[in-house]
Amino acid sequence: MPVPTVTFQTSGKSIEVEKESNLLRTSIRYEGSVPYKCGGGLCGTCKVRIVEGQDNLSRIMKKEVARLGQEKLDEGYRLACQTFISGDVTIAWGEEDLARLNKIAQRRINAAQ
């Protein structure tokens, strides 16, 4: 039976994990760098985008629907703290924040000119 691999695309790490490992706990244990505050599905800071391997994850939990909304779930986002792994998966995070911060920075640059 192959061992599942989690690839943390944003931090550039790949880790072999036990089946049914929690995505956030794996990130914490092996320094995958997924951001988080609470670890209990309340704050939403551990939102990650599933790049590959959506079928190798546990079913979507009620907390994820409440925190992320159906649109984000449809776009492939999950809460790492609520997600368990059954096979290879690649995740990324922070791109939305980066785009938002870039827009803010650009507005500040334009305002200063």
PDB file of N, CA and C in Angstrom:
ATOM      1  N   MET A   1       0.844  -1.191   0.000  1.00  0.00           N
ATOM      2  CA  MET A   1       0.000   0.000   0.000  1.00  0.00           C
ATOM      3  C   MET A   1       0.887   1.252   0.000  1.00  0.00           C
ATOM      4  N   PRO A   2       0.743   2.116  -1.010  1.00  0.00           N
ATOM      5  CA  PRO A   2       1.597   3.304  -1.050  1.00  0.00           C
ATOM      6  C   PRO A   2       1.288   4.262   0.110  1.00  0.00           C
ATOM      7  N   VAL A   3       2.321   4.949   0.555  1.00  0.00           N
ATOM      8  CA  VAL A   3       2.187   5.915   1.633  1.00  0.00           C
ATOM      9  C   VAL A   3       1.793   7.265   1.023  1.00  0.00           C
ATOM     10  N   PRO A   4       0.740   7.897   1.538  1.00  0.00           N
ATOM     11  CA  PRO A   4       0.341   9.197   0.987  1.00  0.00           C
ATOM     12  C   PRO A   4       1.425  10.253   1.177  1.00  0.00           C
ATOM     13  N   THR A   5       1.543  11.141   0.195  1.00  0.00           N
ATOM     14  CA  THR A   5       2.477  12.257   0.273  1.00  0.00           C
ATOM     15  C   THR A   5       1.688  13.562   0.229  1.00  0.00           C
ATOM     16  N   VAL A   6       2.010  14.455   1.153  1.00  0.00           N
ATOM     17  CA  VAL A   6       1.439  15.805   1.124  1.00  0.00           C
ATOM     18  C   VAL A   6       2.519  16.738   0.601  1.00  0.00           C
ATOM     19  N   THR A   7       2.190  17.495  -0.442  1.00  0.00           N
ATOM     20  CA  THR A   7       3.109  18.492  -0.980  1.00  0.00           C
ATOM     21  C   THR A   7       2.575  19.868  -0.598  1.00  0.00           C
ATOM     22  N   PHE A   8       3.379  20.582   0.186  1.00  0.00           N
ATOM     23  CA  PHE A   8       3.053  21.945   0.589  1.00  0.00           C
ATOM     24  C   PHE A   8       3.668  22.863  -0.461  1.00  0.00           C
ATOM     25  N   GLN A   9       2.905  23.163  -1.509  1.00  0.00           N
ATOM     26  CA  GLN A   9       3.439  23.895  -2.665  1.00  0.00           C
ATOM     27  C   GLN A   9       3.994  25.258  -2.258  1.00  0.00           C
ATOM     28  N   THR A  10       3.308  25.963  -1.360  1.00  0.00           N
ATOM     29  CA  THR A  10       3.704  27.316  -0.981  1.00  0.00           C
ATOM     30  C   THR A  10       5.043  27.333  -0.247  1.00  0.00           C
ATOM     31  N   SER A  11       5.276  26.359   0.625  1.00  0.00           N
ATOM     32  CA  SER A  11       6.533  26.333   1.374  1.00  0.00           C
ATOM     33  C   SER A  11       7.577  25.401   0.756  1.00  0.00           C
ATOM     34  N   GLY A  12       7.175  24.652  -0.285  1.00  0.00           N
ATOM     35  CA  GLY A  12       8.123  23.817  -1.008  1.00  0.00           C
ATOM     36  C   GLY A  12       8.516  22.526  -0.308  1.00  0.00           C
ATOM     37  N   LYS A  13       7.667  22.031   0.605  1.00  0.00           N
ATOM     38  CA  LYS A  13       7.968  20.784   1.323  1.00  0.00           C
ATOM     39  C   LYS A  13       7.062  19.659   0.836  1.00  0.00           C
ATOM     40  N   SER A  14       7.595  18.430   0.846  1.00  0.00           N
ATOM     41  CA  SER A  14       6.793  17.227   0.599  1.00  0.00           C
ATOM     42  C   SER A  14       7.040  16.267   1.750  1.00  0.00           C
ATOM     43  N   ILE A  15       5.971  15.711   2.295  1.00  0.00           N
ATOM     44  CA  ILE A  15       6.053  14.850   3.470  1.00  0.00           C
ATOM     45  C   ILE A  15       5.248  13.577   3.230  1.00  0.00           C
ATOM     46  N   GLU A  16       5.822  12.435   3.561  1.00  0.00           N
ATOM     47  CA  GLU A  16       5.050  11.182   3.557  1.00  0.00           C
ATOM     48  C   GLU A  16       4.330  11.088   4.885  1.00  0.00           C
ATOM     49  N   VAL A  17       3.041  10.734   4.831  1.00  0.00           N
ATOM     50  CA  VAL A  17       2.219  10.709   6.047  1.00  0.00           C
ATOM     51  C   VAL A  17       1.442   9.403   6.167  1.00  0.00           C
ATOM     52  N   GLU A  18       0.990   9.121   7.377  1.00  0.00           N
ATOM     53  CA  GLU A  18       0.084   7.992   7.590  1.00  0.00           C
ATOM     54  C   GLU A  18      -1.265   8.322   6.954  1.00  0.00           C
ATOM     55  N   LYS A  19      -1.982   7.293   6.492  1.00  0.00           N
ATOM     56  CA  LYS A  19      -3.348   7.505   6.010  1.00  0.00           C
ATOM     57  C   LYS A  19      -4.201   8.058   7.137  1.00  0.00           C
ATOM     58  N   GLU A  20      -5.159   8.883   6.771  1.00  0.00           N
ATOM     59  CA  GLU A  20      -6.081   9.529   7.716  1.00  0.00           C
ATOM     60  C   GLU A  20      -5.378  10.533   8.629  1.00  0.00           C
ATOM     61  N   SER A  21      -4.210  11.036   8.210  1.00  0.00           N
ATOM     62  CA  SER A  21      -3.542  12.117   8.937  1.00  0.00           C
ATOM     63  C   SER A  21      -4.313  13.410   8.712  1.00  0.00           C
ATOM     64  N   ASN A  22      -4.335  14.252   9.725  1.00  0.00           N
ATOM     65  CA  ASN A  22      -4.966  15.563   9.605  1.00  0.00           C
ATOM     66  C   ASN A  22      -3.993  16.505   8.910  1.00  0.00           C
ATOM     67  N   LEU A  23      -4.503  17.270   7.956  1.00  0.00           N
ATOM     68  CA  LEU A  23      -3.668  18.154   7.142  1.00  0.00           C
ATOM     69  C   LEU A  23      -2.967  19.223   7.984  1.00  0.00           C
ATOM     70  N   LEU A  24      -3.678  19.859   8.898  1.00  0.00           N
ATOM     71  CA  LEU A  24      -3.052  20.902   9.715  1.00  0.00           C
ATOM     72  C   LEU A  24      -2.035  20.308  10.687  1.00  0.00           C
ATOM     73  N   ARG A  25      -2.393  19.220  11.347  1.00  0.00           N
ATOM     74  CA  ARG A  25      -1.446  18.604  12.294  1.00  0.00           C
ATOM     75  C   ARG A  25      -0.176  18.147  11.574  1.00  0.00           C
ATOM     76  N   THR A  26      -0.321  17.646  10.345  1.00  0.00           N
ATOM     77  CA  THR A  26       0.838  17.257   9.541  1.00  0.00           C
ATOM     78  C   THR A  26       1.711  18.476   9.265  1.00  0.00           C
ATOM     79  N   SER A  27       1.080  19.589   8.907  1.00  0.00           N
ATOM     80  CA  SER A  27       1.824  20.817   8.635  1.00  0.00           C
ATOM     81  C   SER A  27       2.571  21.290   9.877  1.00  0.00           C
ATOM     82  N   ILE A  28       1.925  21.245  11.028  1.00  0.00           N
ATOM     83  CA  ILE A  28       2.561  21.684  12.277  1.00  0.00           C
ATOM     84  C   ILE A  28       3.736  20.766  12.618  1.00  0.00           C
ATOM     85  N   ARG A  29       3.494  19.461  12.572  1.00  0.00           N
ATOM     86  CA  ARG A  29       4.516  18.479  12.964  1.00  0.00           C
ATOM     87  C   ARG A  29       5.754  18.538  12.079  1.00  0.00           C
ATOM     88  N   TYR A  30       5.541  18.742  10.768  1.00  0.00           N
ATOM     89  CA  TYR A  30       6.667  18.687   9.830  1.00  0.00           C
ATOM     90  C   TYR A  30       7.022  20.054   9.246  1.00  0.00           C
ATOM     91  N   GLU A  31       6.574  21.115   9.902  1.00  0.00           N
ATOM     92  CA  GLU A  31       6.890  22.482   9.493  1.00  0.00           C
ATOM     93  C   GLU A  31       6.519  22.760   8.038  1.00  0.00           C
ATOM     94  N   GLY A  32       5.295  22.386   7.677  1.00  0.00           N
ATOM     95  CA  GLY A  32       4.785  22.667   6.331  1.00  0.00           C
ATOM     96  C   GLY A  32       4.399  24.124   6.147  1.00  0.00           C
ATOM     97  N   SER A  33       4.213  24.836   7.261  1.00  0.00           N
ATOM     98  CA  SER A  33       3.971  26.288   7.274  1.00  0.00           C
ATOM     99  C   SER A  33       2.565  26.747   6.910  1.00  0.00           C
ATOM    100  N   VAL A  34       1.570  25.856   6.935  1.00  0.00           N
ATOM    101  CA  VAL A  34       0.190  26.308   6.733  1.00  0.00           C
ATOM    102  C   VAL A  34      -0.147  27.255   7.888  1.00  0.00           C
ATOM    103  N   PRO A  35      -0.644  28.470   7.581  1.00  0.00           N
ATOM    104  CA  PRO A  35      -0.979  29.399   8.664  1.00  0.00           C
ATOM    105  C   PRO A  35      -2.193  28.913   9.449  1.00  0.00           C
ATOM    106  N   TYR A  36      -2.225  29.189  10.746  1.00  0.00           N
ATOM    107  CA  TYR A  36      -3.387  28.820  11.555  1.00  0.00           C
ATOM    108  C   TYR A  36      -3.385  29.601  12.855  1.00  0.00           C
ATOM    109  N   LYS A  37      -4.559  29.736  13.451  1.00  0.00           N
ATOM    110  CA  LYS A  37      -4.689  30.368  14.757  1.00  0.00           C
ATOM    111  C   LYS A  37      -5.307  29.396  15.767  1.00  0.00           C
ATOM    112  N   CYS A  38      -6.466  28.789  15.412  1.00  0.00           N
ATOM    113  CA  CYS A  38      -7.188  28.020  16.435  1.00  0.00           C
ATOM    114  C   CYS A  38      -7.087  26.507  16.292  1.00  0.00           C
ATOM    115  N   GLY A  39      -7.080  25.989  15.070  1.00  0.00           N
ATOM    116  CA  GLY A  39      -7.024  24.543  14.857  1.00  0.00           C
ATOM    117  C   GLY A  39      -8.329  23.817  15.083  1.00  0.00           C
ATOM    118  N   GLY A  40      -9.425  24.563  15.286  1.00  0.00           N
ATOM    119  CA  GLY A  40     -10.709  23.923  15.573  1.00  0.00           C
ATOM    120  C   GLY A  40     -11.835  24.254  14.623  1.00  0.00           C
ATOM    121  N   GLY A  41     -11.513  24.824  13.465  1.00  0.00           N
ATOM    122  CA  GLY A  41     -12.548  25.130  12.472  1.00  0.00           C
ATOM    123  C   GLY A  41     -13.331  26.394  12.753  1.00  0.00           C
ATOM    124  N   LEU A  42     -12.842  27.230  13.657  1.00  0.00           N
ATOM    125  CA  LEU A  42     -13.579  28.432  14.033  1.00  0.00           C
ATOM    126  C   LEU A  42     -13.098  29.682  13.312  1.00  0.00           C
ATOM    127  N   CYS A  43     -11.780  29.807  13.128  1.00  0.00           N
ATOM    128  CA  CYS A  43     -11.244  31.090  12.646  1.00  0.00           C
ATOM    129  C   CYS A  43     -11.072  31.159  11.129  1.00  0.00           C
ATOM    130  N   GLY A  44     -10.855  30.026  10.469  1.00  0.00           N
ATOM    131  CA  GLY A  44     -10.686  30.020   9.014  1.00  0.00           C
ATOM    132  C   GLY A  44      -9.295  30.385   8.518  1.00  0.00           C
ATOM    133  N   THR A  45      -8.330  30.598   9.421  1.00  0.00           N
ATOM    134  CA  THR A  45      -6.995  31.012   8.974  1.00  0.00           C
ATOM    135  C   THR A  45      -6.208  29.896   8.285  1.00  0.00           C
ATOM    136  N   CYS A  46      -6.608  28.643   8.472  1.00  0.00           N
ATOM    137  CA  CYS A  46      -5.875  27.527   7.844  1.00  0.00           C
ATOM    138  C   CYS A  46      -6.475  27.150   6.487  1.00  0.00           C
ATOM    139  N   LYS A  47      -7.133  28.104   5.843  1.00  0.00           N
ATOM    140  CA  LYS A  47      -7.731  27.857   4.522  1.00  0.00           C
ATOM    141  C   LYS A  47      -6.624  27.553   3.516  1.00  0.00           C
ATOM    142  N   VAL A  48      -6.741  26.424   2.842  1.00  0.00           N
ATOM    143  CA  VAL A  48      -5.780  26.032   1.813  1.00  0.00           C
ATOM    144  C   VAL A  48      -6.533  25.701   0.524  1.00  0.00           C
ATOM    145  N   ARG A  49      -5.836  25.844  -0.597  1.00  0.00           N
ATOM    146  CA  ARG A  49      -6.416  25.459  -1.882  1.00  0.00           C
ATOM    147  C   ARG A  49      -5.835  24.099  -2.258  1.00  0.00           C
ATOM    148  N   ILE A  50      -6.715  23.182  -2.609  1.00  0.00           N
ATOM    149  CA  ILE A  50      -6.273  21.852  -3.025  1.00  0.00           C
ATOM    150  C   ILE A  50      -5.887  21.942  -4.499  1.00  0.00           C
ATOM    151  N   VAL A  51      -4.581  21.835  -4.761  1.00  0.00           N
ATOM    152  CA  VAL A  51      -4.058  21.940  -6.124  1.00  0.00           C
ATOM    153  C   VAL A  51      -4.266  20.612  -6.850  1.00  0.00           C
ATOM    154  N   GLU A  52      -3.966  19.508  -6.163  1.00  0.00           N
ATOM    155  CA  GLU A  52      -4.160  18.158  -6.707  1.00  0.00           C
ATOM    156  C   GLU A  52      -4.570  17.232  -5.572  1.00  0.00           C
ATOM    157  N   GLY A  53      -5.373  16.220  -5.897  1.00  0.00           N
ATOM    158  CA  GLY A  53      -5.700  15.193  -4.916  1.00  0.00           C
ATOM    159  C   GLY A  53      -6.988  15.411  -4.142  1.00  0.00           C
ATOM    160  N   GLN A  54      -7.886  16.205  -4.683  1.00  0.00           N
ATOM    161  CA  GLN A  54      -9.183  16.473  -4.029  1.00  0.00           C
ATOM    162  C   GLN A  54      -9.884  15.166  -3.613  1.00  0.00           C
ATOM    163  N   ASP A  55      -9.766  14.137  -4.448  1.00  0.00           N
ATOM    164  CA  ASP A  55     -10.423  12.851  -4.164  1.00  0.00           C
ATOM    165  C   ASP A  55      -9.761  12.078  -3.027  1.00  0.00           C
ATOM    166  N   ASN A  56      -8.582  12.519  -2.597  1.00  0.00           N
ATOM    167  CA  ASN A  56      -7.849  11.828  -1.529  1.00  0.00           C
ATOM    168  C   ASN A  56      -8.048  12.486  -0.166  1.00  0.00           C
ATOM    169  N   LEU A  57      -9.143  13.248  -0.037  1.00  0.00           N
ATOM    170  CA  LEU A  57      -9.414  13.956   1.207  1.00  0.00           C
ATOM    171  C   LEU A  57     -10.738  13.504   1.817  1.00  0.00           C
ATOM    172  N   SER A  58     -10.856  13.727   3.129  1.00  0.00           N
ATOM    173  CA  SER A  58     -12.098  13.415   3.835  1.00  0.00           C
ATOM    174  C   SER A  58     -13.224  14.296   3.310  1.00  0.00           C
ATOM    175  N   ARG A  59     -14.458  13.911   3.634  1.00  0.00           N
ATOM    176  CA  ARG A  59     -15.602  14.696   3.161  1.00  0.00           C
ATOM    177  C   ARG A  59     -15.608  16.064   3.835  1.00  0.00           C
ATOM    178  N   ILE A  60     -16.252  17.017   3.170  1.00  0.00           N
ATOM    179  CA  ILE A  60     -16.337  18.392   3.682  1.00  0.00           C
ATOM    180  C   ILE A  60     -17.197  18.419   4.939  1.00  0.00           C
ATOM    181  N   MET A  61     -16.696  19.095   5.976  1.00  0.00           N
ATOM    182  CA  MET A  61     -17.380  19.175   7.268  1.00  0.00           C
ATOM    183  C   MET A  61     -18.268  20.426   7.331  1.00  0.00           C
ATOM    184  N   LYS A  62     -19.270  20.381   8.228  1.00  0.00           N
ATOM    185  CA  LYS A  62     -20.186  21.518   8.400  1.00  0.00           C
ATOM    186  C   LYS A  62     -19.437  22.807   8.717  1.00  0.00           C
ATOM    187  N   LYS A  63     -18.389  22.703   9.545  1.00  0.00           N
ATOM    188  CA  LYS A  63     -17.611  23.896   9.908  1.00  0.00           C
ATOM    189  C   LYS A  63     -16.979  24.538   8.672  1.00  0.00           C
ATOM    190  N   GLU A  64     -16.583  23.708   7.699  1.00  0.00           N
ATOM    191  CA  GLU A  64     -15.974  24.246   6.483  1.00  0.00           C
ATOM    192  C   GLU A  64     -17.001  24.996   5.647  1.00  0.00           C
ATOM    193  N   VAL A  65     -18.200  24.435   5.568  1.00  0.00           N
ATOM    194  CA  VAL A  65     -19.283  25.097   4.828  1.00  0.00           C
ATOM    195  C   VAL A  65     -19.585  26.443   5.478  1.00  0.00           C
ATOM    196  N   ALA A  66     -19.675  26.460   6.818  1.00  0.00           N
ATOM    197  CA  ALA A  66     -19.982  27.690   7.553  1.00  0.00           C
ATOM    198  C   ALA A  66     -18.875  28.731   7.399  1.00  0.00           C
ATOM    199  N   ARG A  67     -17.622  28.310   7.461  1.00  0.00           N
ATOM    200  CA  ARG A  67     -16.487  29.228   7.463  1.00  0.00           C
ATOM    201  C   ARG A  67     -16.114  29.687   6.063  1.00  0.00           C
ATOM    202  N   LEU A  68     -16.151  28.776   5.090  1.00  0.00           N
ATOM    203  CA  LEU A  68     -15.667  29.084   3.744  1.00  0.00           C
ATOM    204  C   LEU A  68     -16.778  29.474   2.774  1.00  0.00           C
ATOM    205  N   GLY A  69     -17.958  28.871   2.941  1.00  0.00           N
ATOM    206  CA  GLY A  69     -19.034  29.078   1.981  1.00  0.00           C
ATOM    207  C   GLY A  69     -18.891  28.138   0.795  1.00  0.00           C
ATOM    208  N   GLN A  70     -20.012  27.860   0.150  1.00  0.00           N
ATOM    209  CA  GLN A  70     -20.033  26.884  -0.951  1.00  0.00           C
ATOM    210  C   GLN A  70     -19.167  27.316  -2.124  1.00  0.00           C
ATOM    211  N   GLU A  71     -19.118  28.615  -2.406  1.00  0.00           N
ATOM    212  CA  GLU A  71     -18.332  29.097  -3.551  1.00  0.00           C
ATOM    213  C   GLU A  71     -16.851  28.747  -3.389  1.00  0.00           C
ATOM    214  N   LYS A  72     -16.290  29.009  -2.212  1.00  0.00           N
ATOM    215  CA  LYS A  72     -14.872  28.689  -1.959  1.00  0.00           C
ATOM    216  C   LYS A  72     -14.638  27.181  -1.995  1.00  0.00           C
ATOM    217  N   LEU A  73     -15.566  26.422  -1.439  1.00  0.00           N
ATOM    218  CA  LEU A  73     -15.440  24.958  -1.480  1.00  0.00           C
ATOM    219  C   LEU A  73     -15.429  24.474  -2.928  1.00  0.00           C
ATOM    220  N   ASP A  74     -16.310  25.047  -3.758  1.00  0.00           N
ATOM    221  CA  ASP A  74     -16.362  24.678  -5.177  1.00  0.00           C
ATOM    222  C   ASP A  74     -15.074  25.042  -5.903  1.00  0.00           C
ATOM    223  N   GLU A  75     -14.372  26.088  -5.416  1.00  0.00           N
ATOM    224  CA  GLU A  75     -13.102  26.505  -6.012  1.00  0.00           C
ATOM    225  C   GLU A  75     -11.936  25.652  -5.520  1.00  0.00           C
ATOM    226  N   GLY A  76     -12.211  24.699  -4.613  1.00  0.00           N
ATOM    227  CA  GLY A  76     -11.168  23.778  -4.162  1.00  0.00           C
ATOM    228  C   GLY A  76     -10.519  24.151  -2.844  1.00  0.00           C
ATOM    229  N   TYR A  77     -11.131  25.064  -2.103  1.00  0.00           N
ATOM    230  CA  TYR A  77     -10.574  25.444  -0.802  1.00  0.00           C
ATOM    231  C   TYR A  77     -11.100  24.524   0.292  1.00  0.00           C
ATOM    232  N   ARG A  78     -10.255  24.274   1.290  1.00  0.00           N
ATOM    233  CA  ARG A  78     -10.625  23.491   2.469  1.00  0.00           C
ATOM    234  C   ARG A  78      -9.982  24.130   3.700  1.00  0.00           C
ATOM    235  N   LEU A  79     -10.482  23.766   4.878  1.00  0.00           N
ATOM    236  CA  LEU A  79      -9.814  24.132   6.125  1.00  0.00           C
ATOM    237  C   LEU A  79      -8.897  22.981   6.491  1.00  0.00           C
ATOM    238  N   ALA A  80      -7.603  23.253   6.611  1.00  0.00           N
ATOM    239  CA  ALA A  80      -6.622  22.199   6.889  1.00  0.00           C
ATOM    240  C   ALA A  80      -6.942  21.469   8.193  1.00  0.00           C
ATOM    241  N   CYS A  81      -7.479  22.191   9.178  1.00  0.00           N
ATOM    242  CA  CYS A  81      -7.747  21.568  10.487  1.00  0.00           C
ATOM    243  C   CYS A  81      -8.896  20.566  10.441  1.00  0.00           C
ATOM    244  N   GLN A  82      -9.736  20.645   9.415  1.00  0.00           N
ATOM    245  CA  GLN A  82     -10.907  19.775   9.301  1.00  0.00           C
ATOM    246  C   GLN A  82     -10.725  18.694   8.238  1.00  0.00           C
ATOM    247  N   THR A  83      -9.550  18.641   7.619  1.00  0.00           N
ATOM    248  CA  THR A  83      -9.330  17.787   6.458  1.00  0.00           C
ATOM    249  C   THR A  83      -8.341  16.663   6.767  1.00  0.00           C
ATOM    250  N   PHE A  84      -8.725  15.444   6.388  1.00  0.00           N
ATOM    251  CA  PHE A  84      -7.888  14.264   6.600  1.00  0.00           C
ATOM    252  C   PHE A  84      -7.504  13.675   5.251  1.00  0.00           C
ATOM    253  N   ILE A  85      -6.320  13.052   5.199  1.00  0.00           N
ATOM    254  CA  ILE A  85      -5.682  12.627   3.959  1.00  0.00           C
ATOM    255  C   ILE A  85      -5.781  11.109   3.791  1.00  0.00           C
ATOM    256  N   SER A  86      -6.173  10.663   2.575  1.00  0.00           N
ATOM    257  CA  SER A  86      -6.191   9.224   2.310  1.00  0.00           C
ATOM    258  C   SER A  86      -5.282   8.855   1.144  1.00  0.00           C
ATOM    259  N   GLY A  87      -4.675   9.858   0.515  1.00  0.00           N
ATOM    260  CA  GLY A  87      -3.777   9.629  -0.616  1.00  0.00           C
ATOM    261  C   GLY A  87      -2.996  10.901  -0.908  1.00  0.00           C
ATOM    262  N   ASP A  88      -2.237  10.900  -2.010  1.00  0.00           N
ATOM    263  CA  ASP A  88      -1.400  12.049  -2.348  1.00  0.00           C
ATOM    264  C   ASP A  88      -2.233  13.315  -2.528  1.00  0.00           C
ATOM    265  N   VAL A  89      -1.709  14.420  -2.011  1.00  0.00           N
ATOM    266  CA  VAL A  89      -2.388  15.704  -2.131  1.00  0.00           C
ATOM    267  C   VAL A  89      -1.357  16.825  -2.209  1.00  0.00           C
ATOM    268  N   THR A  90      -1.669  17.840  -3.010  1.00  0.00           N
ATOM    269  CA  THR A  90      -0.845  19.044  -3.115  1.00  0.00           C
ATOM    270  C   THR A  90      -1.711  20.229  -2.717  1.00  0.00           C
ATOM    271  N   ILE A  91      -1.191  21.052  -1.797  1.00  0.00           N
ATOM    272  CA  ILE A  91      -1.958  22.203  -1.323  1.00  0.00           C
ATOM    273  C   ILE A  91      -1.142  23.487  -1.457  1.00  0.00           C
ATOM    274  N   ALA A  92      -1.855  24.600  -1.514  1.00  0.00           N
ATOM    275  CA  ALA A  92      -1.225  25.923  -1.559  1.00  0.00           C
ATOM    276  C   ALA A  92      -2.089  26.865  -0.729  1.00  0.00           C
ATOM    277  N   TRP A  93      -1.521  27.987  -0.350  1.00  0.00           N
ATOM    278  CA  TRP A  93      -2.289  28.955   0.445  1.00  0.00           C
ATOM    279  C   TRP A  93      -1.707  30.345   0.256  1.00  0.00           C
ATOM    280  N   GLY A  94      -2.512  31.350   0.587  1.00  0.00           N
ATOM    281  CA  GLY A  94      -2.030  32.718   0.629  1.00  0.00           C
ATOM    282  C   GLY A  94      -2.104  33.502  -0.665  1.00  0.00           C
ATOM    283  N   GLU A  95      -2.466  32.849  -1.788  1.00  0.00           N
ATOM    284  CA  GLU A  95      -2.454  33.584  -3.055  1.00  0.00           C
ATOM    285  C   GLU A  95      -3.468  34.716  -3.064  1.00  0.00           C
ATOM    286  N   GLU A  96      -4.643  34.479  -2.487  1.00  0.00           N
ATOM    287  CA  GLU A  96      -5.676  35.513  -2.455  1.00  0.00           C
ATOM    288  C   GLU A  96      -5.191  36.722  -1.667  1.00  0.00           C
ATOM    289  N   ASP A  97      -4.572  36.456  -0.525  1.00  0.00           N
ATOM    290  CA  ASP A  97      -4.073  37.546   0.304  1.00  0.00           C
ATOM    291  C   ASP A  97      -2.989  38.315  -0.436  1.00  0.00           C
ATOM    292  N   LEU A  98      -2.151  37.599  -1.157  1.00  0.00           N
ATOM    293  CA  LEU A  98      -1.079  38.232  -1.920  1.00  0.00           C
ATOM    294  C   LEU A  98      -1.677  39.161  -2.972  1.00  0.00           C
ATOM    295  N   ALA A  99      -2.695  38.704  -3.680  1.00  0.00           N
ATOM    296  CA  ALA A  99      -3.345  39.522  -4.707  1.00  0.00           C
ATOM    297  C   ALA A  99      -3.960  40.771  -4.073  1.00  0.00           C
ATOM    298  N   ARG A 100      -4.604  40.602  -2.925  1.00  0.00           N
ATOM    299  CA  ARG A 100      -5.239  41.728  -2.230  1.00  0.00           C
ATOM    300  C   ARG A 100      -4.172  42.728  -1.774  1.00  0.00           C
ATOM    301  N   LEU A 101      -3.083  42.221  -1.194  1.00  0.00           N
ATOM    302  CA  LEU A 101      -2.011  43.094  -0.724  1.00  0.00           C
ATOM    303  C   LEU A 101      -1.339  43.832  -1.891  1.00  0.00           C
ATOM    304  N   ASN A 102      -1.208  43.150  -3.025  1.00  0.00           N
ATOM    305  CA  ASN A 102      -0.627  43.795  -4.203  1.00  0.00           C
ATOM    306  C   ASN A 102      -1.505  44.946  -4.692  1.00  0.00           C
ATOM    307  N   LYS A 103      -2.833  44.749  -4.656  1.00  0.00           N
ATOM    308  CA  LYS A 103      -3.763  45.813  -5.066  1.00  0.00           C
ATOM    309  C   LYS A 103      -3.647  47.013  -4.141  1.00  0.00           C
ATOM    310  N   ILE A 104      -3.583  46.738  -2.843  1.00  0.00           N
ATOM    311  CA  ILE A 104      -3.443  47.822  -1.854  1.00  0.00           C
ATOM    312  C   ILE A 104      -2.135  48.567  -2.091  1.00  0.00           C
ATOM    313  N   ALA A 105      -1.045  47.824  -2.288  1.00  0.00           N
ATOM    314  CA  ALA A 105       0.259  48.425  -2.531  1.00  0.00           C
ATOM    315  C   ALA A 105       0.223  49.294  -3.789  1.00  0.00           C
ATOM    316  N   GLN A 106      -0.425  48.775  -4.840  1.00  0.00           N
ATOM    317  CA  GLN A 106      -0.492  49.522  -6.106  1.00  0.00           C
ATOM    318  C   GLN A 106      -1.274  50.831  -5.925  1.00  0.00           C
ATOM    319  N   ARG A 107      -2.377  50.772  -5.165  1.00  0.00           N
ATOM    320  CA  ARG A 107      -3.158  51.987  -4.890  1.00  0.00           C
ATOM    321  C   ARG A 107      -2.307  53.012  -4.136  1.00  0.00           C
ATOM    322  N   ARG A 108      -1.519  52.541  -3.181  1.00  0.00           N
ATOM    323  CA  ARG A 108      -0.662  53.443  -2.405  1.00  0.00           C
ATOM    324  C   ARG A 108       0.402  54.074  -3.303  1.00  0.00           C
ATOM    325  N   ILE A 109       0.959  53.274  -4.212  1.00  0.00           N
ATOM    326  CA  ILE A 109       1.976  53.788  -5.140  1.00  0.00           C
ATOM    327  C   ILE A 109       1.342  54.849  -6.046  1.00  0.00           C
ATOM    328  N   ASN A 110       0.152  54.529  -6.582  1.00  0.00           N
ATOM    329  CA  ASN A 110      -0.540  55.466  -7.480  1.00  0.00           C
ATOM    330  C   ASN A 110      -0.884  56.762  -6.758  1.00  0.00           C
ATOM    331  N   ALA A 111      -1.308  56.655  -5.507  1.00  0.00           N
ATOM    332  CA  ALA A 111      -1.689  57.834  -4.712  1.00  0.00           C
ATOM    333  C   ALA A 111      -0.485  58.724  -4.426  1.00  0.00           C
ATOM    334  N   ALA A 112       0.681  58.104  -4.328  1.00  0.00           N
ATOM    335  CA  ALA A 112       1.897  58.851  -3.988  1.00  0.00           C
ATOM    336  C   ALA A 112       2.483  59.584  -5.195  1.00  0.00           C
ATOM    337  N   GLN A 113       2.058  59.215  -6.407  1.00  0.00           N
ATOM    338  CA  GLN A 113       2.642  59.814  -7.618  1.00  0.00           C
ATOM    339  C   GLN A 113       2.011  61.145  -7.962  1.00  0.00           C
TER     340      GLN A 113
END
